[in-house]
Amino acid sequence: MSVLANQQETIGCRVKAARNVVSRTAEDVAMAAGMSVKKYNEIESGNSEIEHWAPLLGAIAVATGKPTSRFLATTGKATDAVEGRCGPLIKTIREELHMPVSKVLETAGITGEEYKLIEQGKSGLETWCPFLLAIANAMEQPVFNFIINIPMKPLAP
């Protein structure tokens, strides 16, 4: 059973709840995830762009039926995630499934322009989602547990 059974309103809240359950400090998780404490605290605050990008990645995972972590690294491990690779992995998986872009757009609720940037590896998915995978790996949790049923927040203008 997941330690994240109770839904929280943001990914940051879920990350903090999971950290508290495993009795780790923010500094400890940040170090284990290979990121600065400042970046980790930004994520945990619920006010980072991860609140937009991670639910979007979750929607793509649901549309394809594939594990969320496999869009970040073929192994599902944060140590194998490479910036700029998430979008091309999404495209490869979508094409292997013979899934039209329109199905992904409908499920994810995004525009064709935004999706084109995603598949090209030129979106915030490349920056933010590997952080979440690293945090999930550090706490030995599936990354999808932090994303499921969280609404996507719009990016600030």
N, C-alpha and C. Protein backbone atom coordinates (compact mmCIF):
# COMPACT_ATOMS: atom_id res chain seq x y z
N MET A 1 0.84 -1.19 0.00
CA MET A 1 0.00 0.00 0.00
C MET A 1 0.88 1.25 0.00
N SER A 2 0.49 2.22 -0.77
CA SER A 2 1.28 3.45 -0.89
C SER A 2 1.16 4.30 0.36
N VAL A 3 2.25 4.95 0.69
CA VAL A 3 2.22 5.91 1.80
C VAL A 3 1.50 7.18 1.38
N LEU A 4 1.12 7.26 0.12
CA LEU A 4 0.48 8.46 -0.40
C LEU A 4 -1.01 8.24 -0.66
N ALA A 5 -1.63 7.35 0.09
CA ALA A 5 -3.02 6.98 -0.15
C ALA A 5 -3.97 8.18 -0.03
N ASN A 6 -3.70 9.11 0.85
CA ASN A 6 -4.54 10.29 0.97
C ASN A 6 -4.14 11.32 -0.06
N GLN A 7 -5.10 11.75 -0.87
CA GLN A 7 -4.79 12.73 -1.89
C GLN A 7 -4.48 14.08 -1.26
N GLN A 8 -3.53 14.77 -1.82
CA GLN A 8 -3.19 16.12 -1.42
C GLN A 8 -3.50 17.01 -2.62
N GLU A 9 -3.57 18.31 -2.40
CA GLU A 9 -3.96 19.16 -3.51
C GLU A 9 -2.83 19.53 -4.46
N THR A 10 -1.59 19.38 -4.04
CA THR A 10 -0.48 19.68 -4.94
C THR A 10 0.54 18.55 -4.91
N ILE A 11 1.35 18.53 -5.91
CA ILE A 11 2.46 17.57 -5.93
C ILE A 11 3.40 17.88 -4.78
N GLY A 12 3.65 19.15 -4.54
CA GLY A 12 4.51 19.54 -3.43
C GLY A 12 4.02 19.00 -2.11
N CYS A 13 2.71 19.06 -1.86
CA CYS A 13 2.13 18.52 -0.62
C CYS A 13 2.36 17.01 -0.53
N ARG A 14 2.21 16.34 -1.65
CA ARG A 14 2.42 14.88 -1.65
C ARG A 14 3.88 14.53 -1.39
N VAL A 15 4.77 15.31 -1.98
CA VAL A 15 6.20 15.08 -1.75
C VAL A 15 6.52 15.27 -0.27
N LYS A 16 6.01 16.36 0.30
CA LYS A 16 6.28 16.63 1.71
C LYS A 16 5.66 15.54 2.60
N ALA A 17 4.45 15.11 2.29
CA ALA A 17 3.80 14.06 3.09
C ALA A 17 4.60 12.76 3.03
N ALA A 18 5.07 12.41 1.84
CA ALA A 18 5.87 11.18 1.70
C ALA A 18 7.17 11.30 2.48
N ARG A 19 7.79 12.46 2.42
CA ARG A 19 9.05 12.68 3.15
C ARG A 19 8.83 12.53 4.64
N ASN A 20 7.72 13.08 5.13
CA ASN A 20 7.42 12.97 6.56
C ASN A 20 7.15 11.52 6.97
N VAL A 21 6.48 10.77 6.12
CA VAL A 21 6.19 9.37 6.43
C VAL A 21 7.47 8.56 6.56
N VAL A 22 8.45 8.85 5.72
CA VAL A 22 9.71 8.10 5.78
C VAL A 22 10.72 8.76 6.72
N SER A 23 10.28 9.78 7.45
CA SER A 23 11.09 10.45 8.47
C SER A 23 12.44 10.93 7.95
N ARG A 24 12.39 11.66 6.83
CA ARG A 24 13.62 12.22 6.27
C ARG A 24 13.50 13.73 6.24
N THR A 25 14.63 14.40 6.29
CA THR A 25 14.63 15.86 6.21
C THR A 25 14.63 16.28 4.74
N ALA A 26 14.24 17.52 4.51
CA ALA A 26 14.29 18.07 3.16
C ALA A 26 15.72 18.03 2.63
N GLU A 27 16.67 18.33 3.48
CA GLU A 27 18.08 18.33 3.08
C GLU A 27 18.52 16.93 2.66
N ASP A 28 18.10 15.93 3.41
CA ASP A 28 18.46 14.54 3.11
C ASP A 28 17.89 14.09 1.76
N VAL A 29 16.62 14.38 1.53
CA VAL A 29 15.99 13.98 0.26
C VAL A 29 16.61 14.75 -0.89
N ALA A 30 16.84 16.04 -0.71
CA ALA A 30 17.46 16.84 -1.78
C ALA A 30 18.83 16.26 -2.15
N MET A 31 19.62 15.94 -1.14
CA MET A 31 20.94 15.39 -1.41
C MET A 31 20.83 14.02 -2.11
N ALA A 32 19.93 13.17 -1.64
CA ALA A 32 19.75 11.85 -2.25
C ALA A 32 19.25 11.96 -3.69
N ALA A 33 18.47 13.02 -3.94
CA ALA A 33 17.93 13.23 -5.29
C ALA A 33 18.90 14.00 -6.19
N GLY A 34 20.00 14.47 -5.63
CA GLY A 34 21.00 15.17 -6.43
C GLY A 34 20.60 16.58 -6.83
N MET A 35 19.88 17.26 -5.96
CA MET A 35 19.47 18.63 -6.27
C MET A 35 19.74 19.53 -5.08
N SER A 36 19.66 20.81 -5.32
CA SER A 36 19.88 21.76 -4.23
C SER A 36 18.68 21.74 -3.29
N VAL A 37 18.92 22.10 -2.06
CA VAL A 37 17.83 22.20 -1.08
C VAL A 37 16.85 23.29 -1.52
N LYS A 38 17.37 24.36 -2.10
CA LYS A 38 16.51 25.43 -2.59
C LYS A 38 15.53 24.91 -3.64
N LYS A 39 16.01 24.15 -4.60
CA LYS A 39 15.15 23.60 -5.64
C LYS A 39 14.13 22.62 -5.04
N TYR A 40 14.62 21.78 -4.11
CA TYR A 40 13.72 20.83 -3.47
C TYR A 40 12.61 21.56 -2.71
N ASN A 41 12.98 22.59 -1.94
CA ASN A 41 11.98 23.36 -1.19
C ASN A 41 10.99 24.06 -2.11
N GLU A 42 11.47 24.50 -3.27
CA GLU A 42 10.57 25.11 -4.26
C GLU A 42 9.53 24.09 -4.72
N ILE A 43 9.96 22.88 -4.96
CA ILE A 43 9.03 21.82 -5.37
C ILE A 43 8.05 21.52 -4.25
N GLU A 44 8.56 21.34 -3.05
CA GLU A 44 7.71 20.98 -1.92
C GLU A 44 6.72 22.09 -1.57
N SER A 45 7.03 23.33 -1.91
CA SER A 45 6.13 24.45 -1.62
C SER A 45 4.84 24.38 -2.43
N GLY A 46 4.87 23.64 -3.54
CA GLY A 46 3.69 23.57 -4.41
C GLY A 46 3.58 24.74 -5.36
N ASN A 47 4.64 25.55 -5.44
CA ASN A 47 4.60 26.75 -6.27
C ASN A 47 5.59 26.71 -7.43
N SER A 48 6.01 25.54 -7.83
CA SER A 48 6.95 25.43 -8.95
C SER A 48 6.22 24.99 -10.21
N GLU A 49 6.92 25.07 -11.32
CA GLU A 49 6.35 24.63 -12.59
C GLU A 49 6.08 23.13 -12.64
N ILE A 50 6.59 22.40 -11.68
CA ILE A 50 6.33 20.96 -11.64
C ILE A 50 4.83 20.70 -11.51
N GLU A 51 4.11 21.65 -10.93
CA GLU A 51 2.66 21.53 -10.76
C GLU A 51 1.93 21.56 -12.10
N HIS A 52 2.56 22.08 -13.13
CA HIS A 52 2.02 22.04 -14.49
C HIS A 52 2.53 20.81 -15.24
N TRP A 53 3.84 20.62 -15.22
CA TRP A 53 4.45 19.62 -16.08
C TRP A 53 4.23 18.18 -15.63
N ALA A 54 4.30 17.92 -14.34
CA ALA A 54 4.15 16.54 -13.88
C ALA A 54 2.75 15.98 -14.12
N PRO A 55 1.66 16.72 -13.83
CA PRO A 55 0.34 16.18 -14.17
C PRO A 55 0.16 15.97 -15.67
N LEU A 56 0.79 16.81 -16.46
CA LEU A 56 0.75 16.64 -17.90
C LEU A 56 1.43 15.33 -18.30
N LEU A 57 2.57 15.06 -17.71
CA LEU A 57 3.25 13.79 -17.97
C LEU A 57 2.39 12.62 -17.52
N GLY A 58 1.73 12.77 -16.37
CA GLY A 58 0.82 11.73 -15.89
C GLY A 58 -0.32 11.48 -16.86
N ALA A 59 -0.86 12.53 -17.44
CA ALA A 59 -1.95 12.38 -18.42
C ALA A 59 -1.46 11.65 -19.66
N ILE A 60 -0.23 11.93 -20.08
CA ILE A 60 0.35 11.23 -21.23
C ILE A 60 0.55 9.76 -20.89
N ALA A 61 0.99 9.49 -19.67
CA ALA A 61 1.17 8.09 -19.24
C ALA A 61 -0.17 7.35 -19.25
N VAL A 62 -1.22 8.01 -18.76
CA VAL A 62 -2.55 7.39 -18.76
C VAL A 62 -3.01 7.14 -20.20
N ALA A 63 -2.80 8.11 -21.07
CA ALA A 63 -3.23 7.97 -22.47
C ALA A 63 -2.55 6.78 -23.15
N THR A 64 -1.30 6.54 -22.80
CA THR A 64 -0.55 5.46 -23.46
C THR A 64 -0.58 4.15 -22.69
N GLY A 65 -0.93 4.20 -21.41
CA GLY A 65 -0.91 3.00 -20.60
C GLY A 65 0.49 2.57 -20.18
N LYS A 66 1.43 3.47 -20.28
CA LYS A 66 2.83 3.17 -19.94
C LYS A 66 3.20 3.81 -18.60
N PRO A 67 4.16 3.22 -17.87
CA PRO A 67 4.60 3.82 -16.61
C PRO A 67 5.21 5.21 -16.82
N THR A 68 4.85 6.12 -15.97
CA THR A 68 5.33 7.50 -16.06
C THR A 68 6.86 7.57 -16.11
N SER A 69 7.51 6.78 -15.29
CA SER A 69 8.97 6.84 -15.21
C SER A 69 9.65 6.48 -16.53
N ARG A 70 8.98 5.70 -17.38
CA ARG A 70 9.58 5.27 -18.65
C ARG A 70 9.66 6.40 -19.68
N PHE A 71 8.94 7.49 -19.42
CA PHE A 71 9.04 8.65 -20.30
C PHE A 71 10.22 9.54 -19.91
N LEU A 72 10.79 9.26 -18.76
CA LEU A 72 11.92 10.05 -18.27
C LEU A 72 13.25 9.35 -18.48
N ALA A 73 13.21 8.02 -18.43
CA ALA A 73 14.40 7.20 -18.68
C ALA A 73 13.89 5.80 -19.02
N THR A 74 14.50 5.17 -19.99
CA THR A 74 14.04 3.84 -20.40
C THR A 74 14.10 2.83 -19.25
N THR A 75 14.98 3.08 -18.30
CA THR A 75 15.11 2.19 -17.14
C THR A 75 14.15 2.58 -16.01
N GLY A 76 13.61 3.79 -16.07
CA GLY A 76 12.76 4.29 -15.00
C GLY A 76 13.55 4.83 -13.83
N LYS A 77 14.86 4.91 -13.95
CA LYS A 77 15.73 5.38 -12.86
C LYS A 77 16.18 6.82 -13.15
N ALA A 78 16.13 7.64 -12.11
CA ALA A 78 16.52 9.04 -12.26
C ALA A 78 17.96 9.20 -12.72
N THR A 79 18.83 8.29 -12.33
CA THR A 79 20.23 8.38 -12.72
C THR A 79 20.42 8.23 -14.23
N ASP A 80 19.41 7.68 -14.90
CA ASP A 80 19.48 7.49 -16.36
C ASP A 80 18.70 8.54 -17.14
N ALA A 81 18.03 9.47 -16.43
CA ALA A 81 17.27 10.52 -17.10
C ALA A 81 18.24 11.55 -17.68
N VAL A 82 17.98 11.94 -18.91
CA VAL A 82 18.83 12.89 -19.62
C VAL A 82 17.94 14.03 -20.11
N GLU A 83 18.33 15.26 -19.78
CA GLU A 83 17.55 16.41 -20.23
C GLU A 83 17.45 16.42 -21.75
N GLY A 84 16.25 16.66 -22.24
CA GLY A 84 16.01 16.67 -23.68
C GLY A 84 15.57 15.32 -24.22
N ARG A 85 15.53 14.31 -23.38
CA ARG A 85 15.19 12.95 -23.82
C ARG A 85 13.74 12.58 -23.54
N CYS A 86 13.09 13.26 -22.60
CA CYS A 86 11.72 12.93 -22.23
C CYS A 86 10.77 13.04 -23.43
N GLY A 87 10.79 14.16 -24.10
CA GLY A 87 9.92 14.36 -25.26
C GLY A 87 10.12 13.32 -26.35
N PRO A 88 11.36 13.06 -26.76
CA PRO A 88 11.58 12.01 -27.76
C PRO A 88 11.12 10.62 -27.28
N LEU A 89 11.24 10.33 -25.98
CA LEU A 89 10.73 9.05 -25.47
C LEU A 89 9.21 9.00 -25.58
N ILE A 90 8.55 10.11 -25.28
CA ILE A 90 7.09 10.19 -25.43
C ILE A 90 6.71 9.92 -26.88
N LYS A 91 7.41 10.57 -27.80
CA LYS A 91 7.11 10.39 -29.22
C LYS A 91 7.33 8.94 -29.65
N THR A 92 8.44 8.35 -29.23
CA THR A 92 8.74 6.96 -29.59
C THR A 92 7.66 6.02 -29.09
N ILE A 93 7.27 6.17 -27.84
CA ILE A 93 6.25 5.30 -27.27
C ILE A 93 4.91 5.51 -27.97
N ARG A 94 4.54 6.76 -28.22
CA ARG A 94 3.29 7.04 -28.92
C ARG A 94 3.28 6.40 -30.30
N GLU A 95 4.40 6.52 -31.01
CA GLU A 95 4.48 5.94 -32.35
C GLU A 95 4.47 4.42 -32.32
N GLU A 96 5.15 3.82 -31.33
CA GLU A 96 5.14 2.36 -31.19
C GLU A 96 3.73 1.84 -30.96
N LEU A 97 2.91 2.63 -30.29
CA LEU A 97 1.53 2.25 -30.01
C LEU A 97 0.59 2.63 -31.16
N HIS A 98 1.12 3.26 -32.19
CA HIS A 98 0.33 3.75 -33.33
C HIS A 98 -0.81 4.66 -32.84
N MET A 99 -0.46 5.48 -31.87
CA MET A 99 -1.44 6.38 -31.26
C MET A 99 -1.38 7.73 -31.95
N PRO A 100 -2.51 8.23 -32.40
CA PRO A 100 -2.48 9.56 -33.03
C PRO A 100 -2.24 10.66 -31.98
N VAL A 101 -1.61 11.71 -32.41
CA VAL A 101 -1.35 12.86 -31.53
C VAL A 101 -2.67 13.36 -30.96
N SER A 102 -3.73 13.32 -31.74
CA SER A 102 -5.03 13.83 -31.29
C SER A 102 -5.51 13.15 -30.01
N LYS A 103 -5.23 11.86 -29.85
CA LYS A 103 -5.64 11.17 -28.63
C LYS A 103 -4.88 11.70 -27.41
N VAL A 104 -3.59 11.95 -27.59
CA VAL A 104 -2.79 12.50 -26.50
C VAL A 104 -3.28 13.91 -26.16
N LEU A 105 -3.54 14.72 -27.18
CA LEU A 105 -4.01 16.08 -26.96
C LEU A 105 -5.32 16.08 -26.18
N GLU A 106 -6.21 15.19 -26.57
CA GLU A 106 -7.52 15.10 -25.90
C GLU A 106 -7.36 14.67 -24.44
N THR A 107 -6.56 13.66 -24.19
CA THR A 107 -6.37 13.16 -22.83
C THR A 107 -5.64 14.18 -21.96
N ALA A 108 -4.62 14.81 -22.51
CA ALA A 108 -3.79 15.74 -21.74
C ALA A 108 -4.40 17.13 -21.64
N GLY A 109 -5.30 17.46 -22.56
CA GLY A 109 -5.92 18.79 -22.54
C GLY A 109 -4.97 19.92 -22.89
N ILE A 110 -4.10 19.67 -23.87
CA ILE A 110 -3.15 20.70 -24.29
C ILE A 110 -3.29 20.97 -25.77
N THR A 111 -2.63 22.01 -26.23
CA THR A 111 -2.68 22.38 -27.64
C THR A 111 -1.66 21.58 -28.45
N GLY A 112 -1.88 21.54 -29.74
CA GLY A 112 -0.93 20.89 -30.63
C GLY A 112 0.43 21.55 -30.60
N GLU A 113 0.45 22.88 -30.45
CA GLU A 113 1.72 23.61 -30.37
C GLU A 113 2.53 23.17 -29.16
N GLU A 114 1.87 23.09 -28.01
CA GLU A 114 2.57 22.68 -26.78
C GLU A 114 3.07 21.25 -26.92
N TYR A 115 2.24 20.38 -27.50
CA TYR A 115 2.65 18.99 -27.64
C TYR A 115 3.82 18.84 -28.61
N LYS A 116 3.84 19.65 -29.64
CA LYS A 116 4.96 19.61 -30.59
C LYS A 116 6.27 19.93 -29.87
N LEU A 117 6.25 20.94 -29.00
CA LEU A 117 7.45 21.28 -28.23
C LEU A 117 7.84 20.15 -27.28
N ILE A 118 6.84 19.49 -26.73
CA ILE A 118 7.11 18.36 -25.84
C ILE A 118 7.85 17.26 -26.59
N GLU A 119 7.31 16.84 -27.72
CA GLU A 119 7.95 15.75 -28.48
C GLU A 119 9.34 16.14 -28.98
N GLN A 120 9.58 17.42 -29.17
CA GLN A 120 10.90 17.88 -29.60
C GLN A 120 11.89 17.98 -28.44
N GLY A 121 11.42 17.73 -27.22
CA GLY A 121 12.29 17.83 -26.05
C GLY A 121 12.58 19.26 -25.65
N LYS A 122 11.65 20.17 -25.95
CA LYS A 122 11.86 21.60 -25.70
C LYS A 122 10.80 22.17 -24.76
N SER A 123 10.40 21.39 -23.78
CA SER A 123 9.38 21.86 -22.83
C SER A 123 9.90 21.76 -21.40
N GLY A 124 9.12 22.27 -20.49
CA GLY A 124 9.46 22.18 -19.08
C GLY A 124 9.47 20.77 -18.53
N LEU A 125 8.89 19.82 -19.27
CA LEU A 125 8.98 18.42 -18.84
C LEU A 125 10.43 18.02 -18.66
N GLU A 126 11.27 18.52 -19.53
CA GLU A 126 12.69 18.14 -19.53
C GLU A 126 13.42 18.60 -18.27
N THR A 127 12.99 19.71 -17.74
CA THR A 127 13.64 20.26 -16.55
C THR A 127 13.01 19.73 -15.27
N TRP A 128 11.69 19.79 -15.20
CA TRP A 128 10.99 19.54 -13.93
C TRP A 128 10.73 18.07 -13.63
N CYS A 129 10.36 17.30 -14.60
CA CYS A 129 9.97 15.90 -14.31
C CYS A 129 11.13 15.02 -13.89
N PRO A 130 12.34 15.19 -14.41
CA PRO A 130 13.45 14.42 -13.86
C PRO A 130 13.71 14.70 -12.38
N PHE A 131 13.44 15.95 -11.93
CA PHE A 131 13.55 16.25 -10.50
C PHE A 131 12.59 15.39 -9.71
N LEU A 132 11.34 15.29 -10.19
CA LEU A 132 10.34 14.50 -9.47
C LEU A 132 10.70 13.03 -9.46
N LEU A 133 11.23 12.53 -10.57
CA LEU A 133 11.67 11.13 -10.61
C LEU A 133 12.80 10.90 -9.61
N ALA A 134 13.73 11.84 -9.51
CA ALA A 134 14.83 11.72 -8.56
C ALA A 134 14.31 11.71 -7.13
N ILE A 135 13.34 12.55 -6.84
CA ILE A 135 12.74 12.58 -5.51
C ILE A 135 12.03 11.26 -5.23
N ALA A 136 11.27 10.77 -6.19
CA ALA A 136 10.56 9.50 -6.02
C ALA A 136 11.54 8.36 -5.78
N ASN A 137 12.61 8.32 -6.57
CA ASN A 137 13.62 7.28 -6.39
C ASN A 137 14.27 7.38 -5.02
N ALA A 138 14.54 8.61 -4.56
CA ALA A 138 15.18 8.81 -3.26
C ALA A 138 14.30 8.31 -2.12
N MET A 139 12.98 8.41 -2.31
CA MET A 139 12.06 7.96 -1.27
C MET A 139 11.46 6.58 -1.56
N GLU A 140 11.99 5.94 -2.62
CA GLU A 140 11.54 4.60 -3.01
C GLU A 140 10.03 4.54 -3.22
N GLN A 141 9.54 5.53 -3.98
CA GLN A 141 8.12 5.62 -4.33
C GLN A 141 7.98 5.66 -5.85
N PRO A 142 6.92 5.09 -6.40
CA PRO A 142 6.66 5.29 -7.83
C PRO A 142 6.35 6.76 -8.10
N VAL A 143 6.92 7.31 -9.13
CA VAL A 143 6.72 8.72 -9.44
C VAL A 143 5.25 9.03 -9.67
N PHE A 144 4.51 8.07 -10.20
CA PHE A 144 3.09 8.30 -10.50
C PHE A 144 2.29 8.59 -9.23
N ASN A 145 2.73 8.07 -8.08
CA ASN A 145 2.02 8.35 -6.82
C ASN A 145 1.96 9.83 -6.51
N PHE A 146 2.93 10.58 -6.97
CA PHE A 146 2.95 12.01 -6.71
C PHE A 146 2.07 12.78 -7.70
N ILE A 147 1.71 12.13 -8.80
CA ILE A 147 1.04 12.81 -9.90
C ILE A 147 -0.45 12.48 -9.99
N ILE A 148 -0.83 11.25 -9.70
CA ILE A 148 -2.19 10.77 -9.95
C ILE A 148 -3.24 11.69 -9.33
N ASN A 149 -4.22 12.04 -10.14
CA ASN A 149 -5.36 12.87 -9.74
C ASN A 149 -5.01 14.28 -9.29
N ILE A 150 -3.88 14.78 -9.72
CA ILE A 150 -3.52 16.18 -9.44
C ILE A 150 -3.85 16.98 -10.70
N PRO A 151 -4.65 18.03 -10.59
CA PRO A 151 -4.95 18.82 -11.78
C PRO A 151 -3.74 19.63 -12.24
N MET A 152 -3.64 19.79 -13.54
CA MET A 152 -2.54 20.55 -14.11
C MET A 152 -2.80 22.04 -13.90
N LYS A 153 -1.82 22.74 -13.33
CA LYS A 153 -1.94 24.18 -13.13
C LYS A 153 -1.38 24.90 -14.34
N PRO A 154 -2.00 25.98 -14.74
CA PRO A 154 -1.45 26.72 -15.88
C PRO A 154 -0.12 27.36 -15.51
N LEU A 155 0.72 27.52 -16.52
CA LEU A 155 2.00 28.21 -16.32
C LEU A 155 1.74 29.69 -16.16
N ALA A 156 2.57 30.32 -15.36
CA ALA A 156 2.46 31.79 -15.20
C ALA A 156 2.85 32.46 -16.51
N PRO A 157 2.16 33.54 -16.84
CA PRO A 157 2.48 34.23 -18.12
C PRO A 157 3.85 34.86 -18.11
